[in-house]
Amino acid sequence: MSDDERDDSDGTRGQAVVLDVLPHGRTEDDRPQYQKQPVGFALDTEEFVLYEMIVADDADIAIGDYFDLYDAGFAERVNEVDYDDLPSGARSELDYAVEDVVDDNEQRFVDFYNDAQPITLRLHQLNLLPGIGKKLRNTILDERERKPFESFEELESRVGGLHSPKETLVERILEEIKEDDLKYRTFVRRDEQ
């Protein structure tokens, strides 16, 4: 990836959170210990892409740390991976990481409820969220037309029947990360092979 592709004017491109660190490399690596490199796993906070990285020798990282994926002093090599490629520690941390990203960027995700659009004549982006059917979708659309939502708390109080709008989004993001064969993706970038 070139430096131009890595640059982002708002500084969010490449921001990631550490899911797991294996200081002695992967357990399935049969090489002698002295030949193994420390490996880390991270989640991109903008596009929810999973990464495996060879951690730089002098990098001081821990689970939950935020960092720039393209900081050469931090990781020597960064590769995208699928959910199935994550070790169990990274998998168990993923739910917490996604929830933290949504908490830290509440307005971005509240704006999803404000800005969601139809996908087809019969399907709306809001219908992709777990538990949101036609009636609840129409209530959200009516309420946002009156006045845009400003927080998850306001969304929950103004839309009867929408319990835990934040958890609903987190659940959908996790589904998009974990499932390979979803027809529609709203939050997770997935390169087609």
C-alpha atoms as a PDB file:
ATOM      1  CA  MET A   1       0.000   0.000   0.000  1.00  0.00           C
ATOM      2  CA  SER A   2       1.424   3.388  -0.956  1.00  0.00           C
ATOM      3  CA  ASP A   3       1.742   6.320   1.437  1.00  0.00           C
ATOM      4  CA  ASP A   4      -0.962   8.129  -0.556  1.00  0.00           C
ATOM      5  CA  GLU A   5      -3.418   5.274   0.045  1.00  0.00           C
ATOM      6  CA  ARG A   6      -2.546   5.275   3.747  1.00  0.00           C
ATOM      7  CA  ASP A   7      -3.078   9.002   4.218  1.00  0.00           C
ATOM      8  CA  ASP A   8      -6.436  10.176   5.456  1.00  0.00           C
ATOM      9  CA  SER A   9      -7.254  13.806   6.126  1.00  0.00           C
ATOM     10  CA  ASP A  10      -9.264  13.127   9.289  1.00  0.00           C
ATOM     11  CA  GLY A  11      -6.633  10.802  10.739  1.00  0.00           C
ATOM     12  CA  THR A  12      -8.926   7.786  11.161  1.00  0.00           C
ATOM     13  CA  ARG A  13      -7.550   5.596   8.368  1.00  0.00           C
ATOM     14  CA  GLY A  14      -5.332   2.969   9.869  1.00  0.00           C
ATOM     15  CA  GLN A  15      -6.529   3.454  13.450  1.00  0.00           C
ATOM     16  CA  ALA A  16      -6.834   0.035  15.075  1.00  0.00           C
ATOM     17  CA  VAL A  17      -7.303  -1.597  18.455  1.00  0.00           C
ATOM     18  CA  VAL A  18      -5.226  -4.563  19.658  1.00  0.00           C
ATOM     19  CA  LEU A  19      -7.233  -7.761  20.141  1.00  0.00           C
ATOM     20  CA  ASP A  20      -4.423 -10.116  21.130  1.00  0.00           C
ATOM     21  CA  VAL A  21      -0.636 -10.337  21.281  1.00  0.00           C
ATOM     22  CA  LEU A  22       1.342 -13.568  21.014  1.00  0.00           C
ATOM     23  CA  PRO A  23       4.849 -12.546  22.143  1.00  0.00           C
ATOM     24  CA  HIS A  24       6.281 -15.955  21.210  1.00  0.00           C
ATOM     25  CA  GLY A  25       4.477 -16.256  17.860  1.00  0.00           C
ATOM     26  CA  ARG A  26       1.697 -18.606  16.856  1.00  0.00           C
ATOM     27  CA  THR A  27       1.575 -21.953  18.651  1.00  0.00           C
ATOM     28  CA  GLU A  28       1.166 -23.854  15.360  1.00  0.00           C
ATOM     29  CA  ASP A  29       4.458 -22.381  14.071  1.00  0.00           C
ATOM     30  CA  ASP A  30       6.879 -25.343  14.181  1.00  0.00           C
ATOM     31  CA  ARG A  31      10.044 -23.261  13.928  1.00  0.00           C
ATOM     32  CA  PRO A  32      12.400 -23.073  16.922  1.00  0.00           C
ATOM     33  CA  GLN A  33      11.449 -20.406  19.471  1.00  0.00           C
ATOM     34  CA  TYR A  34      14.365 -18.121  18.570  1.00  0.00           C
ATOM     35  CA  GLN A  35      13.104 -17.920  14.956  1.00  0.00           C
ATOM     36  CA  LYS A  36       9.530 -16.964  15.866  1.00  0.00           C
ATOM     37  CA  GLN A  37       8.441 -13.335  15.777  1.00  0.00           C
ATOM     38  CA  PRO A  38       5.841 -11.741  18.063  1.00  0.00           C
ATOM     39  CA  VAL A  39       2.424 -11.636  16.405  1.00  0.00           C
ATOM     40  CA  GLY A  40      -0.464  -9.301  17.119  1.00  0.00           C
ATOM     41  CA  PHE A  41      -4.087  -9.181  16.012  1.00  0.00           C
ATOM     42  CA  ALA A  42      -6.039  -5.965  15.599  1.00  0.00           C
ATOM     43  CA  LEU A  43      -9.364  -4.528  14.480  1.00  0.00           C
ATOM     44  CA  ASP A  44      -9.533  -1.465  12.217  1.00  0.00           C
ATOM     45  CA  THR A  45     -11.807   1.036  13.966  1.00  0.00           C
ATOM     46  CA  GLU A  46     -13.149   2.621  10.775  1.00  0.00           C
ATOM     47  CA  GLU A  47     -13.926  -0.344   8.500  1.00  0.00           C
ATOM     48  CA  PHE A  48     -13.871  -3.193  11.059  1.00  0.00           C
ATOM     49  CA  VAL A  49     -11.285  -5.185   9.130  1.00  0.00           C
ATOM     50  CA  LEU A  50      -9.233  -7.767  11.042  1.00  0.00           C
ATOM     51  CA  TYR A  51      -5.446  -7.760  10.802  1.00  0.00           C
ATOM     52  CA  GLU A  52      -2.533  -9.951  11.757  1.00  0.00           C
ATOM     53  CA  MET A  53       0.782  -8.186  12.196  1.00  0.00           C
ATOM     54  CA  ILE A  54       4.377  -8.996  12.936  1.00  0.00           C
ATOM     55  CA  VAL A  55       5.027  -6.783  15.932  1.00  0.00           C
ATOM     56  CA  ALA A  56       8.209  -4.715  15.918  1.00  0.00           C
ATOM     57  CA  ASP A  57      10.728  -5.884  18.516  1.00  0.00           C
ATOM     58  CA  ASP A  58      10.630  -2.671  20.526  1.00  0.00           C
ATOM     59  CA  ALA A  59       6.857  -2.123  20.321  1.00  0.00           C
ATOM     60  CA  ASP A  60       5.135  -1.948  23.697  1.00  0.00           C
ATOM     61  CA  ILE A  61       1.541  -3.080  23.096  1.00  0.00           C
ATOM     62  CA  ALA A  62      -1.248  -4.602  25.120  1.00  0.00           C
ATOM     63  CA  ILE A  63      -4.798  -5.760  24.484  1.00  0.00           C
ATOM     64  CA  GLY A  64      -7.107  -2.769  24.100  1.00  0.00           C
ATOM     65  CA  ASP A  65      -4.379  -0.339  22.967  1.00  0.00           C
ATOM     66  CA  TYR A  66      -5.182   1.926  20.020  1.00  0.00           C
ATOM     67  CA  PHE A  67      -2.468   2.489  17.423  1.00  0.00           C
ATOM     68  CA  ASP A  68      -1.788   3.432  13.804  1.00  0.00           C
ATOM     69  CA  LEU A  69      -1.619   0.266  11.657  1.00  0.00           C
ATOM     70  CA  TYR A  70       0.814   1.953   9.289  1.00  0.00           C
ATOM     71  CA  ASP A  71       3.288   3.113  11.927  1.00  0.00           C
ATOM     72  CA  ALA A  72       6.455   1.359  10.746  1.00  0.00           C
ATOM     73  CA  GLY A  73       7.866   1.481  14.277  1.00  0.00           C
ATOM     74  CA  PHE A  74       4.969  -0.573  15.548  1.00  0.00           C
ATOM     75  CA  ALA A  75       4.392  -3.372  13.052  1.00  0.00           C
ATOM     76  CA  GLU A  76       6.795  -4.753  10.453  1.00  0.00           C
ATOM     77  CA  ARG A  77       4.131  -6.432   8.340  1.00  0.00           C
ATOM     78  CA  VAL A  78       0.337  -6.155   8.359  1.00  0.00           C
ATOM     79  CA  ASN A  79      -2.014  -8.588   6.607  1.00  0.00           C
ATOM     80  CA  GLU A  80      -5.802  -8.791   6.536  1.00  0.00           C
ATOM     81  CA  VAL A  81      -7.232 -11.972   8.033  1.00  0.00           C
ATOM     82  CA  ASP A  82     -10.660 -13.558   8.374  1.00  0.00           C
ATOM     83  CA  TYR A  83     -12.422 -14.129  11.666  1.00  0.00           C
ATOM     84  CA  ASP A  84     -11.639 -17.861  11.423  1.00  0.00           C
ATOM     85  CA  ASP A  85      -7.895 -17.026  11.399  1.00  0.00           C
ATOM     86  CA  LEU A  86      -8.014 -15.326  14.804  1.00  0.00           C
ATOM     87  CA  PRO A  87      -6.699 -17.156  17.855  1.00  0.00           C
ATOM     88  CA  SER A  88      -9.194 -17.745  20.669  1.00  0.00           C
ATOM     89  CA  GLY A  89      -7.904 -14.799  22.724  1.00  0.00           C
ATOM     90  CA  ALA A  90      -8.540 -12.344  19.895  1.00  0.00           C
ATOM     91  CA  ARG A  91     -11.986 -13.837  19.262  1.00  0.00           C
ATOM     92  CA  SER A  92     -13.013 -13.384  22.879  1.00  0.00           C
ATOM     93  CA  GLU A  93     -11.754  -9.779  22.909  1.00  0.00           C
ATOM     94  CA  LEU A  94     -13.525  -8.853  19.649  1.00  0.00           C
ATOM     95  CA  ASP A  95     -16.972  -8.246  21.212  1.00  0.00           C
ATOM     96  CA  TYR A  96     -15.499  -5.819  23.757  1.00  0.00           C
ATOM     97  CA  ALA A  97     -13.432  -4.028  21.115  1.00  0.00           C
ATOM     98  CA  VAL A  98     -16.420  -3.462  18.818  1.00  0.00           C
ATOM     99  CA  GLU A  99     -18.508  -2.198  21.736  1.00  0.00           C
ATOM    100  CA  ASP A 100     -15.707   0.207  22.733  1.00  0.00           C
ATOM    101  CA  VAL A 101     -15.404   1.521  19.164  1.00  0.00           C
ATOM    102  CA  VAL A 102     -19.155   2.176  19.047  1.00  0.00           C
ATOM    103  CA  ASP A 103     -19.032   3.869  22.478  1.00  0.00           C
ATOM    104  CA  ASP A 104     -16.061   6.033  21.476  1.00  0.00           C
ATOM    105  CA  ASN A 105     -17.761   7.085  18.225  1.00  0.00           C
ATOM    106  CA  GLU A 106     -21.375   7.357  19.363  1.00  0.00           C
ATOM    107  CA  GLN A 107     -22.314  10.182  16.985  1.00  0.00           C
ATOM    108  CA  ARG A 108     -21.003   8.246  13.977  1.00  0.00           C
ATOM    109  CA  PHE A 109     -23.262   5.316  14.822  1.00  0.00           C
ATOM    110  CA  VAL A 110     -26.261   7.415  15.869  1.00  0.00           C
ATOM    111  CA  ASP A 111     -25.906   9.044  12.440  1.00  0.00           C
ATOM    112  CA  PHE A 112     -26.388   5.612  10.896  1.00  0.00           C
ATOM    113  CA  TYR A 113     -29.935   5.690  12.279  1.00  0.00           C
ATOM    114  CA  ASN A 114     -30.284   9.259  10.936  1.00  0.00           C
ATOM    115  CA  ASP A 115     -28.860   8.557   7.474  1.00  0.00           C
ATOM    116  CA  ALA A 116     -29.700   4.917   6.640  1.00  0.00           C
ATOM    117  CA  GLN A 117     -31.193   4.522   3.166  1.00  0.00           C
ATOM    118  CA  PRO A 118     -33.164   1.924   1.187  1.00  0.00           C
ATOM    119  CA  ILE A 119     -31.070  -0.851  -0.368  1.00  0.00           C
ATOM    120  CA  THR A 120     -33.808  -2.105  -2.692  1.00  0.00           C
ATOM    121  CA  LEU A 121     -37.496  -1.311  -3.100  1.00  0.00           C
ATOM    122  CA  ARG A 122     -38.292  -3.875  -0.388  1.00  0.00           C
ATOM    123  CA  LEU A 123     -35.233  -3.692   1.867  1.00  0.00           C
ATOM    124  CA  HIS A 124     -33.874  -0.803   3.958  1.00  0.00           C
ATOM    125  CA  GLN A 125     -30.490  -0.603   5.698  1.00  0.00           C
ATOM    126  CA  LEU A 126     -32.319  -0.380   9.026  1.00  0.00           C
ATOM    127  CA  ASN A 127     -33.880  -3.799   8.355  1.00  0.00           C
ATOM    128  CA  LEU A 128     -30.391  -5.336   8.395  1.00  0.00           C
ATOM    129  CA  LEU A 129     -30.198  -4.621  12.126  1.00  0.00           C
ATOM    130  CA  PRO A 130     -31.335  -7.503  14.370  1.00  0.00           C
ATOM    131  CA  GLY A 131     -34.896  -7.109  15.600  1.00  0.00           C
ATOM    132  CA  ILE A 132     -35.862  -4.240  13.289  1.00  0.00           C
ATOM    133  CA  GLY A 133     -38.826  -5.087  11.112  1.00  0.00           C
ATOM    134  CA  LYS A 134     -41.079  -2.959   8.947  1.00  0.00           C
ATOM    135  CA  LYS A 135     -43.042  -1.334  11.784  1.00  0.00           C
ATOM    136  CA  LEU A 136     -39.996  -0.370  13.863  1.00  0.00           C
ATOM    137  CA  ARG A 137     -38.166   0.828  10.747  1.00  0.00           C
ATOM    138  CA  ASN A 138     -41.077   3.116   9.843  1.00  0.00           C
ATOM    139  CA  THR A 139     -41.178   4.511  13.387  1.00  0.00           C
ATOM    140  CA  ILE A 140     -37.440   5.315  13.198  1.00  0.00           C
ATOM    141  CA  LEU A 141     -37.892   6.970   9.791  1.00  0.00           C
ATOM    142  CA  ASP A 142     -40.833   9.066  11.041  1.00  0.00           C
ATOM    143  CA  GLU A 143     -38.980  10.171  14.176  1.00  0.00           C
ATOM    144  CA  ARG A 144     -35.780  11.109  12.357  1.00  0.00           C
ATOM    145  CA  GLU A 145     -37.819  13.166   9.875  1.00  0.00           C
ATOM    146  CA  ARG A 146     -39.165  15.224  12.777  1.00  0.00           C
ATOM    147  CA  LYS A 147     -35.704  15.748  14.254  1.00  0.00           C
ATOM    148  CA  PRO A 148     -32.391  13.879  13.836  1.00  0.00           C
ATOM    149  CA  PHE A 149     -31.317  11.704  16.739  1.00  0.00           C
ATOM    150  CA  GLU A 150     -28.451  13.025  18.844  1.00  0.00           C
ATOM    151  CA  SER A 151     -27.642  10.042  21.082  1.00  0.00           C
ATOM    152  CA  PHE A 152     -28.464   6.385  21.660  1.00  0.00           C
ATOM    153  CA  GLU A 153     -30.364   7.415  24.781  1.00  0.00           C
ATOM    154  CA  GLU A 154     -32.550   9.822  22.803  1.00  0.00           C
ATOM    155  CA  LEU A 155     -33.090   7.223  20.089  1.00  0.00           C
ATOM    156  CA  GLU A 156     -34.268   4.685  22.649  1.00  0.00           C
ATOM    157  CA  SER A 157     -36.603   7.162  24.350  1.00  0.00           C
ATOM    158  CA  ARG A 158     -38.166   8.458  21.125  1.00  0.00           C
ATOM    159  CA  VAL A 159     -38.609   5.102  19.374  1.00  0.00           C
ATOM    160  CA  GLY A 160     -40.835   2.787  21.392  1.00  0.00           C
ATOM    161  CA  GLY A 161     -39.831  -0.828  20.894  1.00  0.00           C
ATOM    162  CA  LEU A 162     -36.212  -0.077  20.020  1.00  0.00           C
ATOM    163  CA  HIS A 163     -34.387  -1.423  23.025  1.00  0.00           C
ATOM    164  CA  SER A 164     -30.616  -1.013  23.177  1.00  0.00           C
ATOM    165  CA  PRO A 165     -29.908   0.672  19.812  1.00  0.00           C
ATOM    166  CA  LYS A 166     -26.177   0.513  20.550  1.00  0.00           C
ATOM    167  CA  GLU A 167     -26.212  -3.237  21.250  1.00  0.00           C
ATOM    168  CA  THR A 168     -28.272  -3.765  18.089  1.00  0.00           C
ATOM    169  CA  LEU A 169     -25.525  -2.095  16.036  1.00  0.00           C
ATOM    170  CA  VAL A 170     -22.765  -4.010  17.831  1.00  0.00           C
ATOM    171  CA  GLU A 171     -24.562  -7.274  17.108  1.00  0.00           C
ATOM    172  CA  ARG A 172     -24.827  -6.428  13.396  1.00  0.00           C
ATOM    173  CA  ILE A 173     -21.172  -5.367  13.149  1.00  0.00           C
ATOM    174  CA  LEU A 174     -20.078  -8.634  14.779  1.00  0.00           C
ATOM    175  CA  GLU A 175     -22.291 -10.596  12.384  1.00  0.00           C
ATOM    176  CA  GLU A 176     -20.678  -8.811   9.414  1.00  0.00           C
ATOM    177  CA  ILE A 177     -17.186  -9.534  10.770  1.00  0.00           C
ATOM    178  CA  LYS A 178     -17.846 -13.221  11.468  1.00  0.00           C
ATOM    179  CA  GLU A 179     -20.007 -14.250   8.497  1.00  0.00           C
ATOM    180  CA  ASP A 180     -18.435 -14.637   5.057  1.00  0.00           C
ATOM    181  CA  ASP A 181     -21.612 -15.133   3.055  1.00  0.00           C
ATOM    182  CA  LEU A 182     -23.741 -12.092   3.919  1.00  0.00           C
ATOM    183  CA  LYS A 183     -25.355 -10.469   0.911  1.00  0.00           C
ATOM    184  CA  TYR A 184     -25.329  -6.935   2.351  1.00  0.00           C
ATOM    185  CA  ARG A 185     -22.660  -5.250   4.438  1.00  0.00           C
ATOM    186  CA  THR A 186     -23.095  -1.830   5.979  1.00  0.00           C
ATOM    187  CA  PHE A 187     -20.256  -1.508   8.482  1.00  0.00           C
ATOM    188  CA  VAL A 188     -17.507  -3.968   7.523  1.00  0.00           C
ATOM    189  CA  ARG A 189     -15.419  -3.566   4.393  1.00  0.00           C
ATOM    190  CA  ARG A 190     -14.831  -6.903   2.740  1.00  0.00           C
ATOM    191  CA  ASP A 191     -12.631  -7.235  -0.321  1.00  0.00           C
ATOM    192  CA  GLU A 192     -14.094  -9.641  -2.820  1.00  0.00           C
ATOM    193  CA  GLN A 193     -11.721 -12.440  -3.777  1.00  0.00           C
END
